[in-house]
Amino acid sequence: QVELVESGGGLVQAGGSLRLSCAASGLTFSGYAMGWFRQGPGKEREFVAAIRRIGGRTDYADSVKGRFTISRDNAKNTVYLQMNSLKPEDTAVYYCAVDRRVGWSLSGKVYDYDYWGQGTQVTVSS
């Protein structure tokens, strides 16, 4: 049974930083690309960042490029999201997810991801 557990969310002032973690179990973690998504109040879930299963290639939404960094530690079955220069519009529930596809490309599409964590709340005050 695949389980993803996010942590690290919280309340931060604009301009601050947070580091999210997502611990995975029940799968061969190094065999899958991983993604971070977020869902703000009254909004649809949107892509934030993705990372290839090995090799370190990453992709980001335009709204977070230069501010957020996705990384992973396959030995710890964990993916991270370092968020700097946070803005009030970054306020959302953040989810990690497993890319179910085979191959090396990265996806920002919700439907390409199978397993999801419960989410962690990030609130950025102005």
Foldseek 3Di string as FASTA:
>chain_A
DKAKAKDWADEEAAQAKIKMKIAIDDDQLLQWKKFKWWDDVPGDIWGAKIAWSDDGDMDGDPVQPPFWDWDDDSVRRMIMIIGGRDDQVVWTWMKMFTQPDDDGDDDGDPVRTDDIHPTDTHGYHD
